[in-house]
Amino acid sequence: NLDPAGVHVRQDSPFKSVKELLDDIKKNPGKHKASGTGQGG
């Protein structure tokens, strides 16, 4: 069994591609927070 990781945002997110999201992360470090498991999971 293997369940690969994905990159998920809200449906109403302004980012339509992962490239757009990554560009914004680079421009605004600390703006985006992520979750989905414990620290180091």
PDB file of all heavy atoms in Angstrom:
ATOM      1  N   ASN A   1       0.832  -1.198   0.000  1.00  0.00           N
ATOM      2  CA  ASN A   1       0.000   0.000   0.000  1.00  0.00           C
ATOM      3  C   ASN A   1       0.869   1.250   0.000  1.00  0.00           C
ATOM      4  O   ASN A   1       1.900   1.299   0.653  1.00  0.00           O
ATOM      5  CB  ASN A   1      -0.907  -0.023   1.242  1.00  0.00           C
ATOM      6  CG  ASN A   1      -1.385   1.347   1.684  1.00  0.00           C
ATOM      7  OD1 ASN A   1      -0.920   1.857   2.694  1.00  0.00           O
ATOM      8  ND2 ASN A   1      -2.308   1.947   0.949  1.00  0.00           N
ATOM      9  N   LEU A   2       0.463   2.247  -0.768  1.00  0.00           N
ATOM     10  CA  LEU A   2       1.120   3.546  -0.756  1.00  0.00           C
ATOM     11  C   LEU A   2       0.088   4.621  -1.041  1.00  0.00           C
ATOM     12  O   LEU A   2      -0.628   4.557  -2.044  1.00  0.00           O
ATOM     13  CB  LEU A   2       2.240   3.618  -1.805  1.00  0.00           C
ATOM     14  CG  LEU A   2       2.895   4.995  -1.991  1.00  0.00           C
ATOM     15  CD1 LEU A   2       3.631   5.411  -0.720  1.00  0.00           C
ATOM     16  CD2 LEU A   2       3.852   4.991  -3.179  1.00  0.00           C
ATOM     17  N   ASP A   3       0.010   5.591  -0.134  1.00  0.00           N
ATOM     18  CA  ASP A   3      -0.860   6.748  -0.335  1.00  0.00           C
ATOM     19  C   ASP A   3       0.021   7.989  -0.401  1.00  0.00           C
ATOM     20  O   ASP A   3       0.440   8.526   0.628  1.00  0.00           O
ATOM     21  CB  ASP A   3      -1.874   6.871   0.817  1.00  0.00           C
ATOM     22  CG  ASP A   3      -2.915   5.763   0.775  1.00  0.00           C
ATOM     23  OD1 ASP A   3      -3.436   5.497  -0.319  1.00  0.00           O
ATOM     24  OD2 ASP A   3      -3.200   5.170   1.824  1.00  0.00           O
ATOM     25  N   PRO A   4       0.353   8.434  -1.624  1.00  0.00           N
ATOM     26  CA  PRO A   4       1.239   9.580  -1.786  1.00  0.00           C
ATOM     27  C   PRO A   4       0.666  10.855  -1.178  1.00  0.00           C
ATOM     28  O   PRO A   4      -0.556  11.034  -1.099  1.00  0.00           O
ATOM     29  CB  PRO A   4       1.365   9.715  -3.310  1.00  0.00           C
ATOM     30  CG  PRO A   4       0.974   8.387  -3.849  1.00  0.00           C
ATOM     31  CD  PRO A   4      -0.071   7.874  -2.911  1.00  0.00           C
ATOM     32  N   ALA A   5       1.556  11.730  -0.764  1.00  0.00           N
ATOM     33  CA  ALA A   5       1.143  13.032  -0.247  1.00  0.00           C
ATOM     34  C   ALA A   5       0.588  13.882  -1.380  1.00  0.00           C
ATOM     35  O   ALA A   5       0.975  13.737  -2.543  1.00  0.00           O
ATOM     36  CB  ALA A   5       2.340  13.739   0.385  1.00  0.00           C
ATOM     37  N   GLY A   6      -0.328  14.773  -1.027  1.00  0.00           N
ATOM     38  CA  GLY A   6      -0.869  15.719  -1.997  1.00  0.00           C
ATOM     39  C   GLY A   6      -0.683  17.136  -1.483  1.00  0.00           C
ATOM     40  O   GLY A   6      -0.153  17.360  -0.394  1.00  0.00           O
ATOM     41  N   VAL A   7      -1.104  18.097  -2.265  1.00  0.00           N
ATOM     42  CA  VAL A   7      -1.102  19.501  -1.829  1.00  0.00           C
ATOM     43  C   VAL A   7      -2.530  19.987  -1.979  1.00  0.00           C
ATOM     44  O   VAL A   7      -3.046  20.097  -3.096  1.00  0.00           O
ATOM     45  CB  VAL A   7      -0.148  20.366  -2.678  1.00  0.00           C
ATOM     46  CG1 VAL A   7      -0.187  21.819  -2.188  1.00  0.00           C
ATOM     47  CG2 VAL A   7       1.271  19.823  -2.629  1.00  0.00           C
ATOM     48  N   HIS A   8      -3.175  20.272  -0.844  1.00  0.00           N
ATOM     49  CA  HIS A   8      -4.591  20.622  -0.851  1.00  0.00           C
ATOM     50  C   HIS A   8      -4.826  22.023  -0.276  1.00  0.00           C
ATOM     51  O   HIS A   8      -4.219  22.383   0.742  1.00  0.00           O
ATOM     52  CB  HIS A   8      -5.395  19.611  -0.043  1.00  0.00           C
ATOM     53  CG  HIS A   8      -5.188  18.197  -0.474  1.00  0.00           C
ATOM     54  ND1 HIS A   8      -5.712  17.687  -1.649  1.00  0.00           N
ATOM     55  CD2 HIS A   8      -4.483  17.185   0.080  1.00  0.00           C
ATOM     56  CE1 HIS A   8      -5.352  16.419  -1.781  1.00  0.00           C
ATOM     57  NE2 HIS A   8      -4.601  16.100  -0.744  1.00  0.00           N
ATOM     58  N   VAL A   9      -5.706  22.764  -0.932  1.00  0.00           N
ATOM     59  CA  VAL A   9      -6.107  24.088  -0.463  1.00  0.00           C
ATOM     60  C   VAL A   9      -7.640  24.138  -0.448  1.00  0.00           C
ATOM     61  O   VAL A   9      -8.300  23.234  -0.945  1.00  0.00           O
ATOM     62  CB  VAL A   9      -5.552  25.210  -1.370  1.00  0.00           C
ATOM     63  CG1 VAL A   9      -4.025  25.223  -1.341  1.00  0.00           C
ATOM     64  CG2 VAL A   9      -6.051  25.044  -2.809  1.00  0.00           C
ATOM     65  N   ARG A  10      -8.188  25.208   0.112  1.00  0.00           N
ATOM     66  CA  ARG A  10      -9.646  25.369   0.074  1.00  0.00           C
ATOM     67  C   ARG A  10     -10.120  25.567  -1.356  1.00  0.00           C
ATOM     68  O   ARG A  10      -9.390  26.087  -2.209  1.00  0.00           O
ATOM     69  CB  ARG A  10     -10.080  26.569   0.918  1.00  0.00           C
ATOM     70  CG  ARG A  10      -9.991  26.354   2.409  1.00  0.00           C
ATOM     71  CD  ARG A  10     -10.631  27.509   3.175  1.00  0.00           C
ATOM     72  NE  ARG A  10     -10.062  28.793   2.805  1.00  0.00           N
ATOM     73  CZ  ARG A  10      -8.924  29.275   3.285  1.00  0.00           C
ATOM     74  NH1 ARG A  10      -8.228  28.554   4.157  1.00  0.00           N
ATOM     75  NH2 ARG A  10      -8.472  30.445   2.907  1.00  0.00           N
ATOM     76  N   GLN A  11     -11.345  25.191  -1.605  1.00  0.00           N
ATOM     77  CA  GLN A  11     -11.905  25.338  -2.950  1.00  0.00           C
ATOM     78  C   GLN A  11     -11.920  26.794  -3.399  1.00  0.00           C
ATOM     79  O   GLN A  11     -11.744  27.096  -4.577  1.00  0.00           O
ATOM     80  CB  GLN A  11     -13.328  24.753  -2.985  1.00  0.00           C
ATOM     81  CG  GLN A  11     -13.963  24.738  -4.374  1.00  0.00           C
ATOM     82  CD  GLN A  11     -13.228  23.830  -5.355  1.00  0.00           C
ATOM     83  OE1 GLN A  11     -12.743  22.778  -4.969  1.00  0.00           O
ATOM     84  NE2 GLN A  11     -13.139  24.235  -6.612  1.00  0.00           N
ATOM     85  N   ASP A  12     -12.111  27.718  -2.445  1.00  0.00           N
ATOM     86  CA  ASP A  12     -12.168  29.141  -2.802  1.00  0.00           C
ATOM     87  C   ASP A  12     -10.800  29.823  -2.736  1.00  0.00           C
ATOM     88  O   ASP A  12     -10.700  31.044  -2.799  1.00  0.00           O
ATOM     89  CB  ASP A  12     -13.159  29.882  -1.900  1.00  0.00           C
ATOM     90  CG  ASP A  12     -12.757  29.835  -0.425  1.00  0.00           C
ATOM     91  OD1 ASP A  12     -11.739  29.191  -0.095  1.00  0.00           O
ATOM     92  OD2 ASP A  12     -13.477  30.438   0.406  1.00  0.00           O
ATOM     93  N   SER A  13      -9.736  29.025  -2.638  1.00  0.00           N
ATOM     94  CA  SER A  13      -8.388  29.593  -2.611  1.00  0.00           C
ATOM     95  C   SER A  13      -8.087  30.306  -3.921  1.00  0.00           C
ATOM     96  O   SER A  13      -8.494  29.848  -5.002  1.00  0.00           O
ATOM     97  CB  SER A  13      -7.354  28.484  -2.397  1.00  0.00           C
ATOM     98  OG  SER A  13      -6.035  28.961  -2.610  1.00  0.00           O
ATOM     99  N   PRO A  14      -7.361  31.420  -3.868  1.00  0.00           N
ATOM    100  CA  PRO A  14      -7.003  32.117  -5.104  1.00  0.00           C
ATOM    101  C   PRO A  14      -5.960  31.368  -5.934  1.00  0.00           C
ATOM    102  O   PRO A  14      -5.723  31.714  -7.094  1.00  0.00           O
ATOM    103  CB  PRO A  14      -6.445  33.450  -4.603  1.00  0.00           C
ATOM    104  CG  PRO A  14      -5.939  33.155  -3.226  1.00  0.00           C
ATOM    105  CD  PRO A  14      -6.891  32.144  -2.673  1.00  0.00           C
ATOM    106  N   PHE A  15      -5.356  30.328  -5.339  1.00  0.00           N
ATOM    107  CA  PHE A  15      -4.293  29.600  -6.028  1.00  0.00           C
ATOM    108  C   PHE A  15      -4.874  28.419  -6.801  1.00  0.00           C
ATOM    109  O   PHE A  15      -5.456  27.504  -6.214  1.00  0.00           O
ATOM    110  CB  PHE A  15      -3.233  29.139  -5.027  1.00  0.00           C
ATOM    111  CG  PHE A  15      -2.715  30.258  -4.177  1.00  0.00           C
ATOM    112  CD1 PHE A  15      -3.052  30.353  -2.832  1.00  0.00           C
ATOM    113  CD2 PHE A  15      -1.932  31.260  -4.736  1.00  0.00           C
ATOM    114  CE1 PHE A  15      -2.603  31.399  -2.056  1.00  0.00           C
ATOM    115  CE2 PHE A  15      -1.473  32.317  -3.962  1.00  0.00           C
ATOM    116  CZ  PHE A  15      -1.814  32.388  -2.619  1.00  0.00           C
ATOM    117  N   LYS A  16      -4.707  28.456  -8.105  1.00  0.00           N
ATOM    118  CA  LYS A  16      -5.261  27.415  -8.975  1.00  0.00           C
ATOM    119  C   LYS A  16      -4.240  26.340  -9.332  1.00  0.00           C
ATOM    120  O   LYS A  16      -4.573  25.336  -9.951  1.00  0.00           O
ATOM    121  CB  LYS A  16      -5.796  28.046 -10.263  1.00  0.00           C
ATOM    122  CG  LYS A  16      -6.782  29.189 -10.038  1.00  0.00           C
ATOM    123  CD  LYS A  16      -8.000  28.762  -9.237  1.00  0.00           C
ATOM    124  CE  LYS A  16      -8.975  29.924  -9.061  1.00  0.00           C
ATOM    125  NZ  LYS A  16     -10.114  29.575  -8.183  1.00  0.00           N
ATOM    126  N   SER A  17      -2.994  26.568  -8.973  1.00  0.00           N
ATOM    127  CA  SER A  17      -1.941  25.587  -9.253  1.00  0.00           C
ATOM    128  C   SER A  17      -0.942  25.609  -8.111  1.00  0.00           C
ATOM    129  O   SER A  17      -0.838  26.593  -7.366  1.00  0.00           O
ATOM    130  CB  SER A  17      -1.229  25.905 -10.571  1.00  0.00           C
ATOM    131  OG  SER A  17      -0.416  27.060 -10.429  1.00  0.00           O
ATOM    132  N   VAL A  18      -0.189  24.526  -7.966  1.00  0.00           N
ATOM    133  CA  VAL A  18       0.807  24.478  -6.906  1.00  0.00           C
ATOM    134  C   VAL A  18       1.925  25.478  -7.181  1.00  0.00           C
ATOM    135  O   VAL A  18       2.531  26.020  -6.242  1.00  0.00           O
ATOM    136  CB  VAL A  18       1.356  23.044  -6.750  1.00  0.00           C
ATOM    137  CG1 VAL A  18       2.250  22.646  -7.929  1.00  0.00           C
ATOM    138  CG2 VAL A  18       2.119  22.885  -5.444  1.00  0.00           C
ATOM    139  N   LYS A  19       2.182  25.762  -8.462  1.00  0.00           N
ATOM    140  CA  LYS A  19       3.211  26.752  -8.794  1.00  0.00           C
ATOM    141  C   LYS A  19       2.814  28.134  -8.274  1.00  0.00           C
ATOM    142  O   LYS A  19       3.648  28.867  -7.733  1.00  0.00           O
ATOM    143  CB  LYS A  19       3.440  26.790 -10.304  1.00  0.00           C
ATOM    144  CG  LYS A  19       4.643  27.628 -10.724  1.00  0.00           C
ATOM    145  CD  LYS A  19       4.884  27.516 -12.216  1.00  0.00           C
ATOM    146  CE  LYS A  19       6.145  28.270 -12.613  1.00  0.00           C
ATOM    147  NZ  LYS A  19       6.159  29.677 -12.187  1.00  0.00           N
ATOM    148  N   GLU A  20       1.546  28.498  -8.429  1.00  0.00           N
ATOM    149  CA  GLU A  20       1.074  29.786  -7.917  1.00  0.00           C
ATOM    150  C   GLU A  20       1.216  29.854  -6.400  1.00  0.00           C
ATOM    151  O   GLU A  20       1.633  30.874  -5.836  1.00  0.00           O
ATOM    152  CB  GLU A  20      -0.380  30.012  -8.317  1.00  0.00           C
ATOM    153  CG  GLU A  20      -0.600  30.234  -9.805  1.00  0.00           C
ATOM    154  CD  GLU A  20      -2.073  30.384 -10.143  1.00  0.00           C
ATOM    155  OE1 GLU A  20      -2.904  30.338  -9.202  1.00  0.00           O
ATOM    156  OE2 GLU A  20      -2.407  30.537 -11.323  1.00  0.00           O
ATOM    157  N   LEU A  21       0.882  28.761  -5.733  1.00  0.00           N
ATOM    158  CA  LEU A  21       0.997  28.711  -4.279  1.00  0.00           C
ATOM    159  C   LEU A  21       2.453  28.853  -3.850  1.00  0.00           C
ATOM    160  O   LEU A  21       2.769  29.624  -2.932  1.00  0.00           O
ATOM    161  CB  LEU A  21       0.427  27.386  -3.764  1.00  0.00           C
ATOM    162  CG  LEU A  21       0.611  27.102  -2.268  1.00  0.00           C
ATOM    163  CD1 LEU A  21      -0.153  28.117  -1.416  1.00  0.00           C
ATOM    164  CD2 LEU A  21       0.160  25.677  -1.930  1.00  0.00           C
ATOM    165  N   LEU A  22       3.343  28.137  -4.506  1.00  0.00           N
ATOM    166  CA  LEU A  22       4.757  28.190  -4.152  1.00  0.00           C
ATOM    167  C   LEU A  22       5.353  29.571  -4.405  1.00  0.00           C
ATOM    168  O   LEU A  22       6.189  30.045  -3.628  1.00  0.00           O
ATOM    169  CB  LEU A  22       5.527  27.121  -4.932  1.00  0.00           C
ATOM    170  CG  LEU A  22       5.235  25.668  -4.522  1.00  0.00           C
ATOM    171  CD1 LEU A  22       5.780  24.695  -5.546  1.00  0.00           C
ATOM    172  CD2 LEU A  22       5.822  25.386  -3.139  1.00  0.00           C
ATOM    173  N   ASP A  23       4.935  30.214  -5.465  1.00  0.00           N
ATOM    174  CA  ASP A  23       5.405  31.576  -5.736  1.00  0.00           C
ATOM    175  C   ASP A  23       5.016  32.515  -4.599  1.00  0.00           C
ATOM    176  O   ASP A  23       5.808  33.372  -4.174  1.00  0.00           O
ATOM    177  CB  ASP A  23       4.826  32.087  -7.059  1.00  0.00           C
ATOM    178  CG  ASP A  23       5.479  31.453  -8.284  1.00  0.00           C
ATOM    179  OD1 ASP A  23       6.578  30.879  -8.118  1.00  0.00           O
ATOM    180  OD2 ASP A  23       4.888  31.509  -9.378  1.00  0.00           O
ATOM    181  N   ASP A  24       3.800  32.351  -4.088  1.00  0.00           N
ATOM    182  CA  ASP A  24       3.344  33.208  -2.988  1.00  0.00           C
ATOM    183  C   ASP A  24       4.077  32.884  -1.689  1.00  0.00           C
ATOM    184  O   ASP A  24       4.357  33.781  -0.888  1.00  0.00           O
ATOM    185  CB  ASP A  24       1.836  33.058  -2.800  1.00  0.00           C
ATOM    186  CG  ASP A  24       1.240  34.214  -2.016  1.00  0.00           C
ATOM    187  OD1 ASP A  24       1.330  35.370  -2.492  1.00  0.00           O
ATOM    188  OD2 ASP A  24       0.701  33.972  -0.911  1.00  0.00           O
ATOM    189  N   ILE A  25       4.385  31.592  -1.487  1.00  0.00           N
ATOM    190  CA  ILE A  25       5.153  31.201  -0.294  1.00  0.00           C
ATOM    191  C   ILE A  25       6.531  31.849  -0.316  1.00  0.00           C
ATOM    192  O   ILE A  25       7.025  32.342   0.712  1.00  0.00           O
ATOM    193  CB  ILE A  25       5.267  29.662  -0.221  1.00  0.00           C
ATOM    194  CG1 ILE A  25       3.909  29.049   0.137  1.00  0.00           C
ATOM    195  CG2 ILE A  25       6.332  29.246   0.790  1.00  0.00           C
ATOM    196  CD1 ILE A  25       3.871  27.545   0.037  1.00  0.00           C
ATOM    197  N   LYS A  26       7.155  31.878  -1.490  1.00  0.00           N
ATOM    198  CA  LYS A  26       8.478  32.486  -1.609  1.00  0.00           C
ATOM    199  C   LYS A  26       8.427  33.995  -1.377  1.00  0.00           C
ATOM    200  O   LYS A  26       9.328  34.567  -0.754  1.00  0.00           O
ATOM    201  CB  LYS A  26       9.069  32.184  -2.993  1.00  0.00           C
ATOM    202  CG  LYS A  26       9.544  30.750  -3.149  1.00  0.00           C
ATOM    203  CD  LYS A  26      10.290  30.519  -4.448  1.00  0.00           C
ATOM    204  CE  LYS A  26       9.349  30.401  -5.633  1.00  0.00           C
ATOM    205  NZ  LYS A  26      10.067  29.998  -6.879  1.00  0.00           N
ATOM    206  N   LYS A  27       7.377  34.635  -1.852  1.00  0.00           N
ATOM    207  CA  LYS A  27       7.235  36.081  -1.681  1.00  0.00           C
ATOM    208  C   LYS A  27       6.840  36.467  -0.262  1.00  0.00           C
ATOM    209  O   LYS A  27       7.193  37.548   0.220  1.00  0.00           O
ATOM    210  CB  LYS A  27       6.182  36.618  -2.659  1.00  0.00           C
ATOM    211  CG  LYS A  27       6.570  36.527  -4.112  1.00  0.00           C
ATOM    212  CD  LYS A  27       5.414  36.967  -5.006  1.00  0.00           C
ATOM    213  CE  LYS A  27       5.739  36.807  -6.471  1.00  0.00           C
ATOM    214  NZ  LYS A  27       4.581  37.134  -7.350  1.00  0.00           N
ATOM    215  N   ASN A  28       6.098  35.559   0.400  1.00  0.00           N
ATOM    216  CA  ASN A  28       5.554  35.881   1.725  1.00  0.00           C
ATOM    217  C   ASN A  28       5.820  34.749   2.728  1.00  0.00           C
ATOM    218  O   ASN A  28       4.888  34.078   3.165  1.00  0.00           O
ATOM    219  CB  ASN A  28       4.050  36.129   1.625  1.00  0.00           C
ATOM    220  CG  ASN A  28       3.697  37.238   0.660  1.00  0.00           C
ATOM    221  OD1 ASN A  28       3.899  38.410   0.938  1.00  0.00           O
ATOM    222  ND2 ASN A  28       3.171  36.846  -0.507  1.00  0.00           N
ATOM    223  N   PRO A  29       7.095  34.525   3.092  1.00  0.00           N
ATOM    224  CA  PRO A  29       7.389  33.449   4.051  1.00  0.00           C
ATOM    225  C   PRO A  29       6.673  33.683   5.376  1.00  0.00           C
ATOM    226  O   PRO A  29       6.644  34.798   5.894  1.00  0.00           O
ATOM    227  CB  PRO A  29       8.912  33.523   4.202  1.00  0.00           C
ATOM    228  CG  PRO A  29       9.297  34.883   3.728  1.00  0.00           C
ATOM    229  CD  PRO A  29       8.315  35.251   2.682  1.00  0.00           C
ATOM    230  N   GLY A  30       6.056  32.622   5.893  1.00  0.00           N
ATOM    231  CA  GLY A  30       5.327  32.724   7.153  1.00  0.00           C
ATOM    232  C   GLY A  30       3.848  33.005   6.994  1.00  0.00           C
ATOM    233  O   GLY A  30       3.071  32.828   7.945  1.00  0.00           O
ATOM    234  N   LYS A  31       3.429  33.428   5.815  1.00  0.00           N
ATOM    235  CA  LYS A  31       2.014  33.744   5.579  1.00  0.00           C
ATOM    236  C   LYS A  31       1.149  32.496   5.583  1.00  0.00           C
ATOM    237  O   LYS A  31       0.035  32.496   6.131  1.00  0.00           O
ATOM    238  CB  LYS A  31       1.872  34.464   4.235  1.00  0.00           C
ATOM    239  CG  LYS A  31       0.444  34.662   3.761  1.00  0.00           C
ATOM    240  CD  LYS A  31       0.407  35.291   2.364  1.00  0.00           C
ATOM    241  CE  LYS A  31      -1.003  35.324   1.801  1.00  0.00           C
ATOM    242  NZ  LYS A  31      -1.025  35.885   0.422  1.00  0.00           N
ATOM    243  N   HIS A  32       1.631  31.438   4.989  1.00  0.00           N
ATOM    244  CA  HIS A  32       0.855  30.205   4.852  1.00  0.00           C
ATOM    245  C   HIS A  32       1.213  29.209   5.943  1.00  0.00           C
ATOM    246  O   HIS A  32       2.386  28.925   6.178  1.00  0.00           O
ATOM    247  CB  HIS A  32       1.103  29.566   3.484  1.00  0.00           C
ATOM    248  CG  HIS A  32       0.641  30.417   2.347  1.00  0.00           C
ATOM    249  ND1 HIS A  32      -0.658  30.450   1.923  1.00  0.00           N
ATOM    250  CD2 HIS A  32       1.335  31.284   1.551  1.00  0.00           C
ATOM    251  CE1 HIS A  32      -0.780  31.293   0.906  1.00  0.00           C
ATOM    252  NE2 HIS A  32       0.416  31.811   0.660  1.00  0.00           N
ATOM    253  N   LYS A  33       0.197  28.665   6.598  1.00  0.00           N
ATOM    254  CA  LYS A  33       0.393  27.621   7.601  1.00  0.00           C
ATOM    255  C   LYS A  33      -0.165  26.305   7.052  1.00  0.00           C
ATOM    256  O   LYS A  33      -1.087  26.300   6.244  1.00  0.00           O
ATOM    257  CB  LYS A  33      -0.308  27.984   8.908  1.00  0.00           C
ATOM    258  CG  LYS A  33       0.288  29.209   9.608  1.00  0.00           C
ATOM    259  CD  LYS A  33      -0.435  29.491  10.907  1.00  0.00           C
ATOM    260  CE  LYS A  33       0.225  30.633  11.671  1.00  0.00           C
ATOM    261  NZ  LYS A  33       0.177  31.899  10.936  1.00  0.00           N
ATOM    262  N   ALA A  34       0.420  25.203   7.519  1.00  0.00           N
ATOM    263  CA  ALA A  34      -0.008  23.882   7.052  1.00  0.00           C
ATOM    264  C   ALA A  34      -0.277  22.963   8.231  1.00  0.00           C
ATOM    265  O   ALA A  34       0.242  23.182   9.337  1.00  0.00           O
ATOM    266  CB  ALA A  34       1.059  23.271   6.149  1.00  0.00           C
ATOM    267  N   SER A  35      -1.089  21.929   8.010  1.00  0.00           N
ATOM    268  CA  SER A  35      -1.414  20.977   9.064  1.00  0.00           C
ATOM    269  C   SER A  35      -1.776  19.631   8.437  1.00  0.00           C
ATOM    270  O   SER A  35      -1.797  19.494   7.220  1.00  0.00           O
ATOM    271  CB  SER A  35      -2.573  21.509   9.919  1.00  0.00           C
ATOM    272  OG  SER A  35      -2.784  20.686  11.052  1.00  0.00           O
ATOM    273  N   GLY A  36      -2.054  18.642   9.302  1.00  0.00           N
ATOM    274  CA  GLY A  36      -2.465  17.332   8.808  1.00  0.00           C
ATOM    275  C   GLY A  36      -1.929  16.161   9.588  1.00  0.00           C
ATOM    276  O   GLY A  36      -2.316  15.017   9.358  1.00  0.00           O
ATOM    277  N   THR A  37      -1.039  16.402  10.532  1.00  0.00           N
ATOM    278  CA  THR A  37      -0.508  15.356  11.404  1.00  0.00           C
ATOM    279  C   THR A  37       0.277  16.041  12.513  1.00  0.00           C
ATOM    280  O   THR A  37       0.332  17.268  12.577  1.00  0.00           O
ATOM    281  CB  THR A  37       0.392  14.381  10.612  1.00  0.00           C
ATOM    282  OG1 THR A  37       0.734  13.274  11.439  1.00  0.00           O
ATOM    283  CG2 THR A  37       1.676  15.048  10.164  1.00  0.00           C
ATOM    284  N   GLY A  38       0.886  15.251  13.389  1.00  0.00           N
ATOM    285  CA  GLY A  38       1.693  15.826  14.444  1.00  0.00           C
ATOM    286  C   GLY A  38       3.011  16.371  13.919  1.00  0.00           C
ATOM    287  O   GLY A  38       3.380  16.155  12.765  1.00  0.00           O
ATOM    288  N   GLN A  39       3.716  17.085  14.767  1.00  0.00           N
ATOM    289  CA  GLN A  39       5.035  17.607  14.407  1.00  0.00           C
ATOM    290  C   GLN A  39       5.960  16.448  14.069  1.00  0.00           C
ATOM    291  O   GLN A  39       6.122  15.510  14.845  1.00  0.00           O
ATOM    292  CB  GLN A  39       5.611  18.395  15.589  1.00  0.00           C
ATOM    293  CG  GLN A  39       6.893  19.147  15.279  1.00  0.00           C
ATOM    294  CD  GLN A  39       6.628  20.496  14.635  1.00  0.00           C
ATOM    295  OE1 GLN A  39       5.486  20.914  14.530  1.00  0.00           O
ATOM    296  NE2 GLN A  39       7.679  21.171  14.210  1.00  0.00           N
ATOM    297  N   GLY A  40       6.544  16.478  12.885  1.00  0.00           N
ATOM    298  CA  GLY A  40       7.441  15.415  12.468  1.00  0.00           C
ATOM    299  C   GLY A  40       6.747  14.212  11.872  1.00  0.00           C
ATOM    300  O   GLY A  40       7.399  13.224  11.556  1.00  0.00           O
ATOM    301  N   GLY A  41       5.407  14.274  11.697  1.00  0.00           N
ATOM    302  CA  GLY A  41       4.673  13.194  11.064  1.00  0.00           C
ATOM    303  C   GLY A  41       4.899  13.180   9.564  1.00  0.00           C
ATOM    304  O   GLY A  41       5.508  14.084   8.991  1.00  0.00           O
TER     305      GLY A  41
END
